Amino acid sequence: MTFSRKPLISGLTGLLLLTGCGSSTGTSARDFAQAQGLMRSVIQEHMDQIPYQHGNELLANLWWLQQKGEVAIPFLIKGLEHSNPKVRSNSAWTLWQIGDKRAIPFLEKHMQDPNPIARLEVARALVQLGDFKAMPILIEGLKSDSKYVRFQCMEALRTVTGKNFGFDHLAEDESVRLASIQKWERWWTKRQQDPNFSPNLKGNWAKPGN
């Protein structure tokens, strides 16, 4: 597992104290394969453990949920609405790792999550899944006071665009970082003005393999 694929919350334990509180496309959580019997209970137990886990223990739990694939998605969708931002952010990250684009409309509903880390994790998931409407959230994340957050946002942007505009998440001079961020902002504005560019991939949310 590479550093850039860790959930933001795993590197920002101190931010866990921050508080925060049907899809328009017709997609429902019932459209996914449903866990039955004992497996349903076991998946819920793993979801319930997220608030109390940290570091490698948390990562191991999230990877377990990822390995369950489609049957874990309804639980993770519900997790996006949890009162604990740690659960919301890690649910978004795990949906990204599963990689099912049908989760996009559920993630879109939480693009304005009141918690900054959960909001960034939702944005990372959307962009990595191919929905670029959340790109401005990641660009804004480059302004974070946290080097870790800046790195993760930059990695997500670089991965999907192949660009970095000279941004250095370790640069101590804020004006240097801001100059690069302004290049990102101008690039995004130009992309939006391109008639051949659509940040909205609705209609392409087919089940993997279809």
Protein backbone atom coordinates (compact mmCIF):
# COMPACT_ATOMS: atom_id res chain seq x y z
CA MET A 1 0.00 0.00 0.00
CA THR A 2 1.44 3.36 -0.96
CA PHE A 3 1.38 6.40 1.25
CA SER A 4 -0.89 8.29 -1.13
CA ARG A 5 -3.62 5.66 -0.87
CA LYS A 6 -4.06 5.97 2.87
CA PRO A 7 -7.24 7.62 4.09
CA LEU A 8 -6.69 11.21 5.19
CA ILE A 9 -8.11 10.48 8.63
CA SER A 10 -5.40 7.88 9.34
CA GLY A 11 -2.77 10.62 9.22
CA LEU A 12 -4.77 13.25 11.06
CA THR A 13 -5.78 11.69 14.34
CA GLY A 14 -5.92 15.08 16.01
CA LEU A 15 -8.66 16.22 13.68
CA LEU A 16 -11.03 13.51 14.84
CA LEU A 17 -12.35 15.94 17.42
CA LEU A 18 -13.75 18.17 14.69
CA THR A 19 -17.53 17.92 14.71
CA GLY A 20 -19.97 17.68 11.85
CA CYS A 21 -23.01 16.66 11.99
CA GLY A 22 -32.26 8.78 -2.34
CA SER A 23 -30.08 9.69 -5.17
CA SER A 24 -31.38 12.00 -7.90
CA THR A 25 -30.38 9.47 -10.54
CA GLY A 26 -32.68 6.84 -9.12
CA THR A 27 -29.81 4.66 -7.96
CA SER A 28 -30.61 2.96 -4.68
CA ALA A 29 -28.46 1.14 -2.16
CA ARG A 30 -30.77 -1.81 -2.85
CA ASP A 31 -29.35 -1.99 -6.38
CA PHE A 32 -26.15 -3.46 -4.96
CA ALA A 33 -25.68 -7.10 -3.98
CA GLN A 34 -26.90 -7.49 -0.41
CA ALA A 35 -25.03 -9.31 2.33
CA GLN A 36 -27.08 -12.05 3.94
CA GLY A 37 -27.20 -13.75 7.31
CA LEU A 38 -23.98 -13.86 9.30
CA MET A 39 -22.02 -11.85 6.72
CA ARG A 40 -24.41 -8.93 7.16
CA SER A 41 -23.76 -8.92 10.90
CA VAL A 42 -20.00 -9.24 10.46
CA ILE A 43 -19.81 -6.32 8.02
CA GLN A 44 -21.83 -4.16 10.40
CA GLU A 45 -19.48 -5.09 13.24
CA HIS A 46 -16.53 -3.92 11.15
CA MET A 47 -18.29 -0.63 10.42
CA ASP A 48 -19.05 -0.17 14.12
CA GLN A 49 -15.36 -0.57 14.99
CA ILE A 50 -14.17 2.34 12.79
CA PRO A 51 -14.63 5.12 15.40
CA TYR A 52 -12.39 3.30 17.88
CA GLN A 53 -9.56 2.23 15.59
CA HIS A 54 -6.34 3.99 14.61
CA GLY A 55 -3.28 3.41 12.45
CA ASN A 56 -2.66 -0.06 11.09
CA GLU A 57 -5.66 -1.50 12.92
CA LEU A 58 -7.96 0.95 11.13
CA LEU A 59 -6.29 0.36 7.77
CA ALA A 60 -6.63 -3.40 8.17
CA ASN A 61 -10.33 -2.99 8.89
CA LEU A 62 -10.85 -0.77 5.85
CA TRP A 63 -8.99 -3.19 3.61
CA TRP A 64 -11.18 -6.00 4.96
CA LEU A 65 -14.26 -4.00 3.99
CA GLN A 66 -12.77 -3.32 0.58
CA GLN A 67 -12.22 -7.03 0.02
CA LYS A 68 -15.92 -7.68 0.64
CA GLY A 69 -16.59 -5.62 -2.47
CA GLU A 70 -20.14 -4.93 -3.59
CA VAL A 71 -21.88 -6.37 -0.53
CA ALA A 72 -20.07 -3.81 1.66
CA ILE A 73 -21.20 -0.84 -0.43
CA PRO A 74 -24.67 -0.39 1.17
CA PHE A 75 -23.01 -0.24 4.60
CA LEU A 76 -20.46 2.31 3.38
CA ILE A 77 -23.19 4.42 1.76
CA LYS A 78 -24.95 4.48 5.12
CA GLY A 79 -21.59 5.34 6.70
CA LEU A 80 -21.46 8.54 4.63
CA GLU A 81 -24.33 9.82 6.78
CA HIS A 82 -22.87 8.79 10.15
CA SER A 83 -22.71 11.44 12.89
CA ASN A 84 -18.98 10.74 13.34
CA PRO A 85 -16.83 12.41 10.63
CA LYS A 86 -14.25 9.66 11.02
CA VAL A 87 -16.80 7.11 9.84
CA ARG A 88 -17.91 9.36 6.98
CA SER A 89 -14.39 10.00 5.72
CA ASN A 90 -13.32 6.37 5.92
CA SER A 91 -16.53 5.21 4.25
CA ALA A 92 -15.76 7.53 1.33
CA TRP A 93 -12.18 6.27 1.12
CA THR A 94 -13.27 2.63 1.10
CA LEU A 95 -15.86 3.28 -1.61
CA TRP A 96 -13.04 4.71 -3.72
CA GLN A 97 -10.92 1.61 -3.08
CA ILE A 98 -13.76 -0.70 -4.12
CA GLY A 99 -13.98 1.31 -7.32
CA ASP A 100 -17.65 0.85 -8.21
CA LYS A 101 -18.75 3.96 -10.12
CA ARG A 102 -22.34 3.40 -9.06
CA ALA A 103 -21.29 4.87 -5.71
CA ILE A 104 -20.70 8.26 -7.38
CA PRO A 105 -24.21 9.71 -6.88
CA PHE A 106 -24.13 8.79 -3.19
CA LEU A 107 -20.74 10.45 -2.76
CA GLU A 108 -21.91 13.55 -4.63
CA LYS A 109 -24.56 14.14 -1.97
CA HIS A 110 -21.76 14.67 0.55
CA MET A 111 -19.48 17.01 -1.40
CA GLN A 112 -20.31 19.76 1.10
CA ASP A 113 -19.79 17.69 4.25
CA PRO A 114 -19.37 20.12 7.18
CA ASN A 115 -16.20 18.38 8.32
CA PRO A 116 -13.14 19.43 6.25
CA ILE A 117 -11.47 16.02 6.28
CA ALA A 118 -14.63 14.14 5.35
CA ARG A 119 -15.28 16.69 2.60
CA LEU A 120 -11.78 16.22 1.16
CA GLU A 121 -12.06 12.44 1.34
CA VAL A 122 -15.36 12.53 -0.54
CA ALA A 123 -13.71 14.76 -3.16
CA ARG A 124 -10.73 12.42 -3.47
CA ALA A 125 -13.05 9.47 -3.95
CA LEU A 126 -15.13 11.23 -6.61
CA VAL A 127 -12.16 12.46 -8.63
CA GLN A 128 -10.40 9.09 -8.46
CA LEU A 129 -13.62 7.42 -9.62
CA GLY A 130 -13.72 9.77 -12.60
CA ASP A 131 -16.20 12.44 -11.50
CA PHE A 132 -14.34 15.75 -11.70
CA LYS A 133 -16.98 18.06 -10.24
CA ALA A 134 -15.16 17.75 -6.92
CA MET A 135 -11.87 18.99 -8.41
CA PRO A 136 -12.23 22.50 -6.88
CA ILE A 137 -12.44 20.96 -3.41
CA LEU A 138 -9.08 19.26 -3.91
CA ILE A 139 -7.53 22.43 -5.31
CA GLU A 140 -8.80 24.29 -2.24
CA GLY A 141 -7.27 21.52 -0.10
CA LEU A 142 -3.84 22.56 -1.36
CA LYS A 143 -4.22 25.62 0.88
CA SER A 144 -4.48 23.49 4.03
CA ASP A 145 -2.18 24.20 6.96
CA SER A 146 -1.51 20.45 7.11
CA LYS A 147 1.36 19.15 4.99
CA TYR A 148 -0.29 15.74 5.02
CA VAL A 149 -3.56 17.08 3.60
CA ARG A 150 -1.69 19.11 0.98
CA PHE A 151 0.24 16.02 -0.07
CA GLN A 152 -2.84 13.84 -0.37
CA CYS A 153 -4.75 16.44 -2.37
CA MET A 154 -1.77 16.96 -4.66
CA GLU A 155 -1.36 13.23 -5.21
CA ALA A 156 -5.03 12.85 -6.16
CA LEU A 157 -4.82 15.79 -8.56
CA ARG A 158 -1.56 14.58 -10.08
CA THR A 159 -2.85 11.03 -10.50
CA VAL A 160 -5.91 12.04 -12.52
CA THR A 161 -4.40 14.95 -14.49
CA GLY A 162 -0.70 14.14 -14.81
CA LYS A 163 0.08 17.70 -13.71
CA ASN A 164 1.46 19.37 -10.59
CA PHE A 165 2.15 22.97 -11.69
CA GLY A 166 5.25 23.01 -9.51
CA PHE A 167 3.31 22.57 -6.27
CA ASP A 168 5.47 21.47 -3.33
CA HIS A 169 3.44 20.44 -0.29
CA LEU A 170 6.56 20.89 1.87
CA ALA A 171 7.25 24.49 0.80
CA GLU A 172 7.34 26.67 3.91
CA ASP A 173 6.75 29.88 1.96
CA GLU A 174 2.99 30.19 1.60
CA SER A 175 3.36 32.60 -1.32
CA VAL A 176 5.27 29.95 -3.28
CA ARG A 177 2.50 27.43 -2.71
CA LEU A 178 -0.14 30.01 -3.58
CA ALA A 179 1.52 30.75 -6.92
CA SER A 180 1.17 27.08 -7.87
CA ILE A 181 -2.39 26.93 -6.56
CA GLN A 182 -3.32 29.88 -8.75
CA LYS A 183 -2.02 27.92 -11.74
CA TRP A 184 -4.30 25.04 -10.73
CA GLU A 185 -7.25 27.41 -10.44
CA ARG A 186 -6.59 28.94 -13.86
CA TRP A 187 -6.22 25.47 -15.37
CA TRP A 188 -9.54 24.37 -13.91
CA THR A 189 -11.31 27.51 -15.13
CA LYS A 190 -9.94 26.90 -18.62
CA ARG A 191 -11.03 23.26 -18.53
CA GLN A 192 -14.56 24.26 -17.60
CA GLN A 193 -14.69 26.57 -20.61
CA ASP A 194 -13.72 23.75 -22.96
CA PRO A 195 -16.93 22.61 -24.76
CA ASN A 196 -15.51 19.10 -25.07
CA PHE A 197 -14.92 18.72 -21.34
CA SER A 198 -17.62 17.41 -19.04
CA PRO A 199 -16.88 17.01 -15.33
CA ASN A 200 -20.13 15.11 -14.89
CA LEU A 201 -19.98 11.45 -15.82
CA LYS A 202 -23.66 10.68 -15.29
CA GLY A 203 -24.73 7.90 -17.58
CA ASN A 204 -21.42 6.09 -17.16
CA TRP A 205 -22.17 4.55 -13.78
CA ALA A 206 -22.53 1.00 -15.03
CA LYS A 207 -21.76 -1.96 -12.87
CA PRO A 208 -18.06 -2.91 -13.21
CA GLY A 209 -17.60 -5.15 -16.21
CA ASN A 210 -20.71 -3.83 -18.00
